[in-house]
Amino acid sequence: MEQKINIAITTFSNEDSAVACSRNLIQKKLVACAQVSGPIRSFYQWESKILEDQEWRLVLKFSGSNERVVREEVMKSHEYDSPQWIYWDADTNESYGKWVNAEG
């Protein structure tokens, strides 16, 4: 039987910030899993300029009931003026979904 979980993605300008955010969310039991990867190359438009930066991606997995509080916690610790926050509901296998929903 499938289970529903939430997945969210954001980026940070450096690894230390991404790791600190991950640890904070795990310690507060708001997410079951936080994965930091990078560096990645990001290309984007900001104030009518095309920019390229090195960033660190943070992927979070958590219970659907926690989305608002997880988002607020991430935004409090974020250094960007307009931080990325993309999340969606995902189907997963029963054992993994039960673990995510129990832990975060």
PDB file of N, CA and C in Angstrom:
ATOM      1  N   MET A   1       0.843  -1.178   0.000  1.00  0.00           N
ATOM      2  CA  MET A   1       0.000   0.000   0.000  1.00  0.00           C
ATOM      3  C   MET A   1       0.892   1.247   0.000  1.00  0.00           C
ATOM      4  N   GLU A   2       0.607   2.164  -0.890  1.00  0.00           N
ATOM      5  CA  GLU A   2       1.406   3.388  -0.980  1.00  0.00           C
ATOM      6  C   GLU A   2       1.132   4.314   0.198  1.00  0.00           C
ATOM      7  N   GLN A   3       2.121   5.111   0.504  1.00  0.00           N
ATOM      8  CA  GLN A   3       2.032   6.129   1.546  1.00  0.00           C
ATOM      9  C   GLN A   3       2.325   7.486   0.908  1.00  0.00           C
ATOM     10  N   LYS A   4       1.781   8.543   1.493  1.00  0.00           N
ATOM     11  CA  LYS A   4       2.046   9.914   1.043  1.00  0.00           C
ATOM     12  C   LYS A   4       3.065  10.567   1.970  1.00  0.00           C
ATOM     13  N   ILE A   5       4.021  11.275   1.367  1.00  0.00           N
ATOM     14  CA  ILE A   5       4.972  12.096   2.115  1.00  0.00           C
ATOM     15  C   ILE A   5       5.121  13.420   1.381  1.00  0.00           C
ATOM     16  N   ASN A   6       5.763  14.373   1.998  1.00  0.00           N
ATOM     17  CA  ASN A   6       6.118  15.625   1.335  1.00  0.00           C
ATOM     18  C   ASN A   6       7.611  15.645   1.068  1.00  0.00           C
ATOM     19  N   ILE A   7       7.975  16.237  -0.058  1.00  0.00           N
ATOM     20  CA  ILE A   7       9.370  16.472  -0.413  1.00  0.00           C
ATOM     21  C   ILE A   7       9.504  17.956  -0.719  1.00  0.00           C
ATOM     22  N   ALA A   8      10.559  18.574  -0.213  1.00  0.00           N
ATOM     23  CA  ALA A   8      10.806  19.993  -0.483  1.00  0.00           C
ATOM     24  C   ALA A   8      12.259  20.178  -0.895  1.00  0.00           C
ATOM     25  N   ILE A   9      12.472  21.193  -1.729  1.00  0.00           N
ATOM     26  CA  ILE A   9      13.817  21.527  -2.193  1.00  0.00           C
ATOM     27  C   ILE A   9      14.056  23.013  -1.961  1.00  0.00           C
ATOM     28  N   THR A  10      15.238  23.317  -1.461  1.00  0.00           N
ATOM     29  CA  THR A  10      15.709  24.689  -1.372  1.00  0.00           C
ATOM     30  C   THR A  10      17.207  24.676  -1.656  1.00  0.00           C
ATOM     31  N   THR A  11      17.801  25.837  -1.789  1.00  0.00           N
ATOM     32  CA  THR A  11      19.242  25.934  -2.026  1.00  0.00           C
ATOM     33  C   THR A  11      19.846  26.973  -1.090  1.00  0.00           C
ATOM     34  N   PHE A  12      21.124  26.773  -0.795  1.00  0.00           N
ATOM     35  CA  PHE A  12      21.890  27.691   0.048  1.00  0.00           C
ATOM     36  C   PHE A  12      23.169  28.079  -0.676  1.00  0.00           C
ATOM     37  N   SER A  13      23.742  29.199  -0.286  1.00  0.00           N
ATOM     38  CA  SER A  13      24.955  29.684  -0.949  1.00  0.00           C
ATOM     39  C   SER A  13      26.204  28.929  -0.517  1.00  0.00           C
ATOM     40  N   ASN A  14      26.112  28.185   0.591  1.00  0.00           N
ATOM     41  CA  ASN A  14      27.291  27.449   1.058  1.00  0.00           C
ATOM     42  C   ASN A  14      26.868  26.185   1.798  1.00  0.00           C
ATOM     43  N   GLU A  15      27.795  25.259   1.873  1.00  0.00           N
ATOM     44  CA  GLU A  15      27.511  23.964   2.492  1.00  0.00           C
ATOM     45  C   GLU A  15      27.205  24.094   3.982  1.00  0.00           C
ATOM     46  N   ASP A  16      27.932  24.944   4.684  1.00  0.00           N
ATOM     47  CA  ASP A  16      27.724  25.089   6.126  1.00  0.00           C
ATOM     48  C   ASP A  16      26.296  25.508   6.458  1.00  0.00           C
ATOM     49  N   SER A  17      25.735  26.432   5.687  1.00  0.00           N
ATOM     50  CA  SER A  17      24.359  26.878   5.932  1.00  0.00           C
ATOM     51  C   SER A  17      23.353  25.766   5.668  1.00  0.00           C
ATOM     52  N   ALA A  18      23.567  25.015   4.597  1.00  0.00           N
ATOM     53  CA  ALA A  18      22.668  23.900   4.274  1.00  0.00           C
ATOM     54  C   ALA A  18      22.727  22.826   5.352  1.00  0.00           C
ATOM     55  N   VAL A  19      23.925  22.523   5.826  1.00  0.00           N
ATOM     56  CA  VAL A  19      24.097  21.512   6.878  1.00  0.00           C
ATOM     57  C   VAL A  19      23.472  22.000   8.186  1.00  0.00           C
ATOM     58  N   ALA A  20      23.682  23.260   8.535  1.00  0.00           N
ATOM     59  CA  ALA A  20      23.112  23.807   9.773  1.00  0.00           C
ATOM     60  C   ALA A  20      21.588  23.748   9.741  1.00  0.00           C
ATOM     61  N   CYS A  21      20.992  24.100   8.618  1.00  0.00           N
ATOM     62  CA  CYS A  21      19.540  24.036   8.477  1.00  0.00           C
ATOM     63  C   CYS A  21      19.067  22.588   8.613  1.00  0.00           C
ATOM     64  N   SER A  22      19.770  21.668   7.974  1.00  0.00           N
ATOM     65  CA  SER A  22      19.418  20.243   8.049  1.00  0.00           C
ATOM     66  C   SER A  22      19.428  19.754   9.490  1.00  0.00           C
ATOM     67  N   ARG A  23      20.501  20.038  10.180  1.00  0.00           N
ATOM     68  CA  ARG A  23      20.629  19.581  11.570  1.00  0.00           C
ATOM     69  C   ARG A  23      19.540  20.171  12.463  1.00  0.00           C
ATOM     70  N   ASN A  24      19.241  21.443  12.265  1.00  0.00           N
ATOM     71  CA  ASN A  24      18.194  22.101  13.037  1.00  0.00           C
ATOM     72  C   ASN A  24      16.848  21.405  12.831  1.00  0.00           C
ATOM     73  N   LEU A  25      16.502  21.127  11.585  1.00  0.00           N
ATOM     74  CA  LEU A  25      15.215  20.493  11.283  1.00  0.00           C
ATOM     75  C   LEU A  25      15.138  19.075  11.837  1.00  0.00           C
ATOM     76  N   ILE A  26      16.241  18.338  11.748  1.00  0.00           N
ATOM     77  CA  ILE A  26      16.277  16.975  12.282  1.00  0.00           C
ATOM     78  C   ILE A  26      16.182  17.009  13.811  1.00  0.00           C
ATOM     79  N   GLN A  27      16.954  17.888  14.447  1.00  0.00           N
ATOM     80  CA  GLN A  27      16.941  17.974  15.914  1.00  0.00           C
ATOM     81  C   GLN A  27      15.568  18.359  16.455  1.00  0.00           C
ATOM     82  N   LYS A  28      14.853  19.213  15.712  1.00  0.00           N
ATOM     83  CA  LYS A  28      13.507  19.619  16.129  1.00  0.00           C
ATOM     84  C   LYS A  28      12.443  18.607  15.721  1.00  0.00           C
ATOM     85  N   LYS A  29      12.867  17.525  15.074  1.00  0.00           N
ATOM     86  CA  LYS A  29      11.974  16.446  14.633  1.00  0.00           C
ATOM     87  C   LYS A  29      10.891  16.943  13.677  1.00  0.00           C
ATOM     88  N   LEU A  30      11.272  17.917  12.828  1.00  0.00           N
ATOM     89  CA  LEU A  30      10.340  18.448  11.839  1.00  0.00           C
ATOM     90  C   LEU A  30      10.421  17.699  10.519  1.00  0.00           C
ATOM     91  N   VAL A  31      11.561  17.092  10.243  1.00  0.00           N
ATOM     92  CA  VAL A  31      11.736  16.304   9.021  1.00  0.00           C
ATOM     93  C   VAL A  31      12.331  14.947   9.399  1.00  0.00           C
ATOM     94  N   ALA A  32      12.038  13.958   8.575  1.00  0.00           N
ATOM     95  CA  ALA A  32      12.611  12.625   8.791  1.00  0.00           C
ATOM     96  C   ALA A  32      13.983  12.514   8.157  1.00  0.00           C
ATOM     97  N   CYS A  33      14.195  13.251   7.063  1.00  0.00           N
ATOM     98  CA  CYS A  33      15.426  13.111   6.290  1.00  0.00           C
ATOM     99  C   CYS A  33      15.774  14.446   5.646  1.00  0.00           C
ATOM    100  N   ALA A  34      17.051  14.788   5.679  1.00  0.00           N
ATOM    101  CA  ALA A  34      17.560  15.983   5.004  1.00  0.00           C
ATOM    102  C   ALA A  34      18.814  15.575   4.250  1.00  0.00           C
ATOM    103  N   GLN A  35      18.840  15.865   2.957  1.00  0.00           N
ATOM    104  CA  GLN A  35      19.978  15.492   2.120  1.00  0.00           C
ATOM    105  C   GLN A  35      20.597  16.744   1.512  1.00  0.00           C
ATOM    106  N   VAL A  36      21.889  16.932   1.749  1.00  0.00           N
ATOM    107  CA  VAL A  36      22.631  18.068   1.205  1.00  0.00           C
ATOM    108  C   VAL A  36      23.498  17.565   0.062  1.00  0.00           C
ATOM    109  N   SER A  37      23.416  18.233  -1.079  1.00  0.00           N
ATOM    110  CA  SER A  37      24.277  17.875  -2.214  1.00  0.00           C
ATOM    111  C   SER A  37      24.818  19.143  -2.849  1.00  0.00           C
ATOM    112  N   GLY A  38      25.984  19.012  -3.420  1.00  0.00           N
ATOM    113  CA  GLY A  38      26.583  20.161  -4.070  1.00  0.00           C
ATOM    114  C   GLY A  38      28.092  20.027  -4.102  1.00  0.00           C
ATOM    115  N   PRO A  39      28.712  20.974  -4.690  1.00  0.00           N
ATOM    116  CA  PRO A  39      28.070  22.172  -5.222  1.00  0.00           C
ATOM    117  C   PRO A  39      27.343  21.890  -6.544  1.00  0.00           C
ATOM    118  N   ILE A  40      26.313  22.689  -6.776  1.00  0.00           N
ATOM    119  CA  ILE A  40      25.607  22.680  -8.050  1.00  0.00           C
ATOM    120  C   ILE A  40      25.792  24.054  -8.684  1.00  0.00           C
ATOM    121  N   ARG A  41      25.644  24.126 -10.000  1.00  0.00           N
ATOM    122  CA  ARG A  41      25.713  25.416 -10.705  1.00  0.00           C
ATOM    123  C   ARG A  41      24.305  25.868 -10.999  1.00  0.00           C
ATOM    124  N   SER A  42      23.965  27.053 -10.552  1.00  0.00           N
ATOM    125  CA  SER A  42      22.638  27.614 -10.761  1.00  0.00           C
ATOM    126  C   SER A  42      22.736  28.822 -11.676  1.00  0.00           C
ATOM    127  N   PHE A  43      21.847  28.865 -12.643  1.00  0.00           N
ATOM    128  CA  PHE A  43      21.732  29.981 -13.580  1.00  0.00           C
ATOM    129  C   PHE A  43      20.343  30.573 -13.391  1.00  0.00           C
ATOM    130  N   TYR A  44      20.271  31.910 -13.258  1.00  0.00           N
ATOM    131  CA  TYR A  44      18.976  32.526 -12.988  1.00  0.00           C
ATOM    132  C   TYR A  44      19.020  34.011 -13.333  1.00  0.00           C
ATOM    133  N   GLN A  45      17.823  34.600 -13.400  1.00  0.00           N
ATOM    134  CA  GLN A  45      17.714  36.045 -13.600  1.00  0.00           C
ATOM    135  C   GLN A  45      17.416  36.700 -12.267  1.00  0.00           C
ATOM    136  N   TRP A  46      18.134  37.782 -11.973  1.00  0.00           N
ATOM    137  CA  TRP A  46      17.906  38.547 -10.756  1.00  0.00           C
ATOM    138  C   TRP A  46      18.120  40.012 -11.076  1.00  0.00           C
ATOM    139  N   GLU A  47      17.085  40.811 -10.863  1.00  0.00           N
ATOM    140  CA  GLU A  47      17.135  42.245 -11.129  1.00  0.00           C
ATOM    141  C   GLU A  47      17.629  42.519 -12.545  1.00  0.00           C
ATOM    142  N   SER A  48      17.025  41.827 -13.500  1.00  0.00           N
ATOM    143  CA  SER A  48      17.272  41.986 -14.943  1.00  0.00           C
ATOM    144  C   SER A  48      18.672  41.575 -15.380  1.00  0.00           C
ATOM    145  N   LYS A  49      19.358  40.802 -14.577  1.00  0.00           N
ATOM    146  CA  LYS A  49      20.681  40.303 -14.953  1.00  0.00           C
ATOM    147  C   LYS A  49      20.659  38.783 -14.929  1.00  0.00           C
ATOM    148  N   ILE A  50      21.400  38.188 -15.846  1.00  0.00           N
ATOM    149  CA  ILE A  50      21.567  36.743 -15.839  1.00  0.00           C
ATOM    150  C   ILE A  50      22.783  36.424 -14.983  1.00  0.00           C
ATOM    151  N   LEU A  51      22.570  35.605 -13.967  1.00  0.00           N
ATOM    152  CA  LEU A  51      23.626  35.288 -13.008  1.00  0.00           C
ATOM    153  C   LEU A  51      23.912  33.791 -12.983  1.00  0.00           C
ATOM    154  N   GLU A  52      25.093  33.459 -12.521  1.00  0.00           N
ATOM    155  CA  GLU A  52      25.505  32.070 -12.326  1.00  0.00           C
ATOM    156  C   GLU A  52      26.190  31.988 -10.969  1.00  0.00           C
ATOM    157  N   ASP A  53      25.761  31.030 -10.158  1.00  0.00           N
ATOM    158  CA  ASP A  53      26.335  30.871  -8.825  1.00  0.00           C
ATOM    159  C   ASP A  53      26.528  29.399  -8.497  1.00  0.00           C
ATOM    160  N   GLN A  54      27.382  29.164  -7.543  1.00  0.00           N
ATOM    161  CA  GLN A  54      27.536  27.835  -6.960  1.00  0.00           C
ATOM    162  C   GLN A  54      26.638  27.780  -5.731  1.00  0.00           C
ATOM    163  N   GLU A  55      25.826  26.725  -5.631  1.00  0.00           N
ATOM    164  CA  GLU A  55      24.912  26.580  -4.505  1.00  0.00           C
ATOM    165  C   GLU A  55      24.952  25.145  -3.988  1.00  0.00           C
ATOM    166  N   TRP A  56      24.308  24.963  -2.844  1.00  0.00           N
ATOM    167  CA  TRP A  56      24.150  23.646  -2.230  1.00  0.00           C
ATOM    168  C   TRP A  56      22.662  23.364  -2.122  1.00  0.00           C
ATOM    169  N   ARG A  57      22.253  22.204  -2.623  1.00  0.00           N
ATOM    170  CA  ARG A  57      20.840  21.823  -2.644  1.00  0.00           C
ATOM    171  C   ARG A  57      20.497  21.062  -1.364  1.00  0.00           C
ATOM    172  N   LEU A  58      19.358  21.406  -0.794  1.00  0.00           N
ATOM    173  CA  LEU A  58      18.837  20.708   0.375  1.00  0.00           C
ATOM    174  C   LEU A  58      17.492  20.096   0.002  1.00  0.00           C
ATOM    175  N   VAL A  59      17.403  18.778   0.106  1.00  0.00           N
ATOM    176  CA  VAL A  59      16.160  18.045  -0.143  1.00  0.00           C
ATOM    177  C   VAL A  59      15.654  17.545   1.201  1.00  0.00           C
ATOM    178  N   LEU A  60      14.390  17.830   1.489  1.00  0.00           N
ATOM    179  CA  LEU A  60      13.783  17.466   2.768  1.00  0.00           C
ATOM    180  C   LEU A  60      12.619  16.516   2.546  1.00  0.00           C
ATOM    181  N   LYS A  61      12.479  15.533   3.432  1.00  0.00           N
ATOM    182  CA  LYS A  61      11.365  14.584   3.379  1.00  0.00           C
ATOM    183  C   LYS A  61      10.678  14.609   4.734  1.00  0.00           C
ATOM    184  N   PHE A  62       9.348  14.806   4.697  1.00  0.00           N
ATOM    185  CA  PHE A  62       8.625  15.003   5.949  1.00  0.00           C
ATOM    186  C   PHE A  62       7.144  14.704   5.784  1.00  0.00           C
ATOM    187  N   SER A  63       6.463  14.638   6.916  1.00  0.00           N
ATOM    188  CA  SER A  63       5.029  14.396   6.946  1.00  0.00           C
ATOM    189  C   SER A  63       4.285  15.594   6.357  1.00  0.00           C
ATOM    190  N   GLY A  64       3.214  15.316   5.644  1.00  0.00           N
ATOM    191  CA  GLY A  64       2.428  16.384   5.030  1.00  0.00           C
ATOM    192  C   GLY A  64       1.881  17.385   6.021  1.00  0.00           C
ATOM    193  N   SER A  65       1.633  16.963   7.235  1.00  0.00           N
ATOM    194  CA  SER A  65       1.083  17.877   8.232  1.00  0.00           C
ATOM    195  C   SER A  65       2.113  18.900   8.716  1.00  0.00           C
ATOM    196  N   ASN A  66       3.377  18.716   8.375  1.00  0.00           N
ATOM    197  CA  ASN A  66       4.445  19.608   8.848  1.00  0.00           C
ATOM    198  C   ASN A  66       4.861  20.681   7.839  1.00  0.00           C
ATOM    199  N   GLU A  67       4.248  20.772   6.687  1.00  0.00           N
ATOM    200  CA  GLU A  67       4.756  21.659   5.633  1.00  0.00           C
ATOM    201  C   GLU A  67       4.907  23.104   6.094  1.00  0.00           C
ATOM    202  N   ARG A  68       3.897  23.657   6.707  1.00  0.00           N
ATOM    203  CA  ARG A  68       3.947  25.071   7.093  1.00  0.00           C
ATOM    204  C   ARG A  68       5.081  25.337   8.079  1.00  0.00           C
ATOM    205  N   VAL A  69       5.190  24.512   9.108  1.00  0.00           N
ATOM    206  CA  VAL A  69       6.210  24.745  10.133  1.00  0.00           C
ATOM    207  C   VAL A  69       7.616  24.477   9.589  1.00  0.00           C
ATOM    208  N   VAL A  70       7.773  23.499   8.702  1.00  0.00           N
ATOM    209  CA  VAL A  70       9.082  23.249   8.080  1.00  0.00           C
ATOM    210  C   VAL A  70       9.472  24.449   7.223  1.00  0.00           C
ATOM    211  N   ARG A  71       8.546  24.927   6.398  1.00  0.00           N
ATOM    212  CA  ARG A  71       8.822  26.087   5.542  1.00  0.00           C
ATOM    213  C   ARG A  71       9.211  27.302   6.379  1.00  0.00           C
ATOM    214  N   GLU A  72       8.458  27.579   7.435  1.00  0.00           N
ATOM    215  CA  GLU A  72       8.763  28.732   8.286  1.00  0.00           C
ATOM    216  C   GLU A  72      10.141  28.602   8.929  1.00  0.00           C
ATOM    217  N   GLU A  73      10.491  27.410   9.367  1.00  0.00           N
ATOM    218  CA  GLU A  73      11.796  27.186  10.001  1.00  0.00           C
ATOM    219  C   GLU A  73      12.930  27.384   8.994  1.00  0.00           C
ATOM    220  N   VAL A  74      12.745  26.895   7.774  1.00  0.00           N
ATOM    221  CA  VAL A  74      13.760  27.081   6.726  1.00  0.00           C
ATOM    222  C   VAL A  74      13.909  28.569   6.413  1.00  0.00           C
ATOM    223  N   MET A  75      12.801  29.281   6.269  1.00  0.00           N
ATOM    224  CA  MET A  75      12.865  30.700   5.923  1.00  0.00           C
ATOM    225  C   MET A  75      13.547  31.518   7.022  1.00  0.00           C
ATOM    226  N   LYS A  76      13.380  31.145   8.274  1.00  0.00           N
ATOM    227  CA  LYS A  76      14.027  31.876   9.377  1.00  0.00           C
ATOM    228  C   LYS A  76      15.546  31.793   9.292  1.00  0.00           C
ATOM    229  N   SER A  77      16.052  30.681   8.799  1.00  0.00           N
ATOM    230  CA  SER A  77      17.507  30.480   8.782  1.00  0.00           C
ATOM    231  C   SER A  77      18.139  30.798   7.433  1.00  0.00           C
ATOM    232  N   HIS A  78      17.342  31.260   6.482  1.00  0.00           N
ATOM    233  CA  HIS A  78      17.838  31.433   5.119  1.00  0.00           C
ATOM    234  C   HIS A  78      18.457  32.799   4.902  1.00  0.00           C
ATOM    235  N   GLU A  79      19.571  32.824   4.159  1.00  0.00           N
ATOM    236  CA  GLU A  79      20.262  34.090   3.908  1.00  0.00           C
ATOM    237  C   GLU A  79      19.782  34.798   2.643  1.00  0.00           C
ATOM    238  N   TYR A  80      19.031  34.119   1.776  1.00  0.00           N
ATOM    239  CA  TYR A  80      18.581  34.727   0.521  1.00  0.00           C
ATOM    240  C   TYR A  80      17.381  35.648   0.746  1.00  0.00           C
ATOM    241  N   ASP A  81      17.279  36.685  -0.096  1.00  0.00           N
ATOM    242  CA  ASP A  81      16.118  37.573  -0.057  1.00  0.00           C
ATOM    243  C   ASP A  81      14.846  36.851  -0.493  1.00  0.00           C
ATOM    244  N   SER A  82      14.971  36.003  -1.501  1.00  0.00           N
ATOM    245  CA  SER A  82      13.836  35.238  -2.030  1.00  0.00           C
ATOM    246  C   SER A  82      14.221  33.765  -2.112  1.00  0.00           C
ATOM    247  N   PRO A  83      14.228  33.071  -0.987  1.00  0.00           N
ATOM    248  CA  PRO A  83      14.669  31.673  -1.011  1.00  0.00           C
ATOM    249  C   PRO A  83      13.726  30.784  -1.807  1.00  0.00           C
ATOM    250  N   GLN A  84      14.318  29.825  -2.469  1.00  0.00           N
ATOM    251  CA  GLN A  84      13.534  28.815  -3.181  1.00  0.00           C
ATOM    252  C   GLN A  84      12.837  27.922  -2.161  1.00  0.00           C
ATOM    253  N   TRP A  85      11.557  27.667  -2.376  1.00  0.00           N
ATOM    254  CA  TRP A  85      10.823  26.673  -1.588  1.00  0.00           C
ATOM    255  C   TRP A  85       9.861  25.984  -2.542  1.00  0.00           C
ATOM    256  N   ILE A  86      10.234  24.814  -2.949  1.00  0.00           N
ATOM    257  CA  ILE A  86       9.401  24.016  -3.843  1.00  0.00           C
ATOM    258  C   ILE A  86       9.081  22.727  -3.106  1.00  0.00           C
ATOM    259  N   TYR A  87       7.801  22.412  -2.997  1.00  0.00           N
ATOM    260  CA  TYR A  87       7.450  21.154  -2.332  1.00  0.00           C
ATOM    261  C   TYR A  87       6.279  20.502  -3.050  1.00  0.00           C
ATOM    262  N   TRP A  88       6.177  19.203  -2.841  1.00  0.00           N
ATOM    263  CA  TRP A  88       5.085  18.447  -3.436  1.00  0.00           C
ATOM    264  C   TRP A  88       4.805  17.211  -2.595  1.00  0.00           C
ATOM    265  N   ASP A  89       3.592  16.689  -2.782  1.00  0.00           N
ATOM    266  CA  ASP A  89       3.220  15.404  -2.201  1.00  0.00           C
ATOM    267  C   ASP A  89       3.773  14.314  -3.093  1.00  0.00           C
ATOM    268  N   ALA A  90       4.263  13.260  -2.481  1.00  0.00           N
ATOM    269  CA  ALA A  90       4.815  12.148  -3.252  1.00  0.00           C
ATOM    270  C   ALA A  90       4.276  10.830  -2.709  1.00  0.00           C
ATOM    271  N   ASP A  91       4.077   9.899  -3.619  1.00  0.00           N
ATOM    272  CA  ASP A  91       3.742   8.534  -3.228  1.00  0.00           C
ATOM    273  C   ASP A  91       5.035   7.777  -2.990  1.00  0.00           C
ATOM    274  N   THR A  92       5.036   6.934  -1.981  1.00  0.00           N
ATOM    275  CA  THR A  92       6.203   6.110  -1.697  1.00  0.00           C
ATOM    276  C   THR A  92       5.743   4.750  -1.196  1.00  0.00           C
ATOM    277  N   ASN A  93       6.687   3.846  -1.068  1.00  0.00           N
ATOM    278  CA  ASN A  93       6.308   2.520  -0.573  1.00  0.00           C
ATOM    279  C   ASN A  93       5.882   2.608   0.891  1.00  0.00           C
ATOM    280  N   GLU A  94       5.187   1.579   1.327  1.00  0.00           N
ATOM    281  CA  GLU A  94       4.566   1.605   2.650  1.00  0.00           C
ATOM    282  C   GLU A  94       5.572   1.758   3.787  1.00  0.00           C
ATOM    283  N   SER A  95       6.644   0.986   3.778  1.00  0.00           N
ATOM    284  CA  SER A  95       7.577   1.032   4.908  1.00  0.00           C
ATOM    285  C   SER A  95       8.302   2.380   4.989  1.00  0.00           C
ATOM    286  N   TYR A  96       8.734   2.918   3.843  1.00  0.00           N
ATOM    287  CA  TYR A  96       9.416   4.212   3.854  1.00  0.00           C
ATOM    288  C   TYR A  96       8.444   5.316   4.265  1.00  0.00           C
ATOM    289  N   GLY A  97       7.249   5.289   3.729  1.00  0.00           N
ATOM    290  CA  GLY A  97       6.250   6.298   4.068  1.00  0.00           C
ATOM    291  C   GLY A  97       5.887   6.294   5.540  1.00  0.00           C
ATOM    292  N   LYS A  98       5.746   5.108   6.105  1.00  0.00           N
ATOM    293  CA  LYS A  98       5.447   5.026   7.540  1.00  0.00           C
ATOM    294  C   LYS A  98       6.589   5.608   8.364  1.00  0.00           C
ATOM    295  N   TRP A  99       7.824   5.329   7.947  1.00  0.00           N
ATOM    296  CA  TRP A  99       8.983   5.875   8.664  1.00  0.00           C
ATOM    297  C   TRP A  99       8.999   7.404   8.594  1.00  0.00           C
ATOM    298  N   VAL A 100       8.844   7.969   7.386  1.00  0.00           N
ATOM    299  CA  VAL A 100       8.856   9.432   7.221  1.00  0.00           C
ATOM    300  C   VAL A 100       7.748  10.065   8.050  1.00  0.00           C
ATOM    301  N   ASN A 101       6.540   9.523   7.957  1.00  0.00           N
ATOM    302  CA  ASN A 101       5.413  10.111   8.677  1.00  0.00           C
ATOM    303  C   ASN A 101       5.539   9.967  10.191  1.00  0.00           C
ATOM    304  N   ALA A 102       6.239   8.959  10.655  1.00  0.00           N
ATOM    305  CA  ALA A 102       6.449   8.792  12.098  1.00  0.00           C
ATOM    306  C   ALA A 102       7.550   9.711  12.625  1.00  0.00           C
ATOM    307  N   GLU A 103       8.564   9.960  11.804  1.00  0.00           N
ATOM    308  CA  GLU A 103       9.742  10.710  12.253  1.00  0.00           C
ATOM    309  C   GLU A 103       9.680  12.201  11.967  1.00  0.00           C
ATOM    310  N   GLY A 104       8.930  12.608  10.985  1.00  0.00           N
ATOM    311  CA  GLY A 104       8.948  14.022  10.645  1.00  0.00           C
ATOM    312  C   GLY A 104       7.711  14.427   9.957  1.00  0.00           C
TER     313      GLY A 104
END
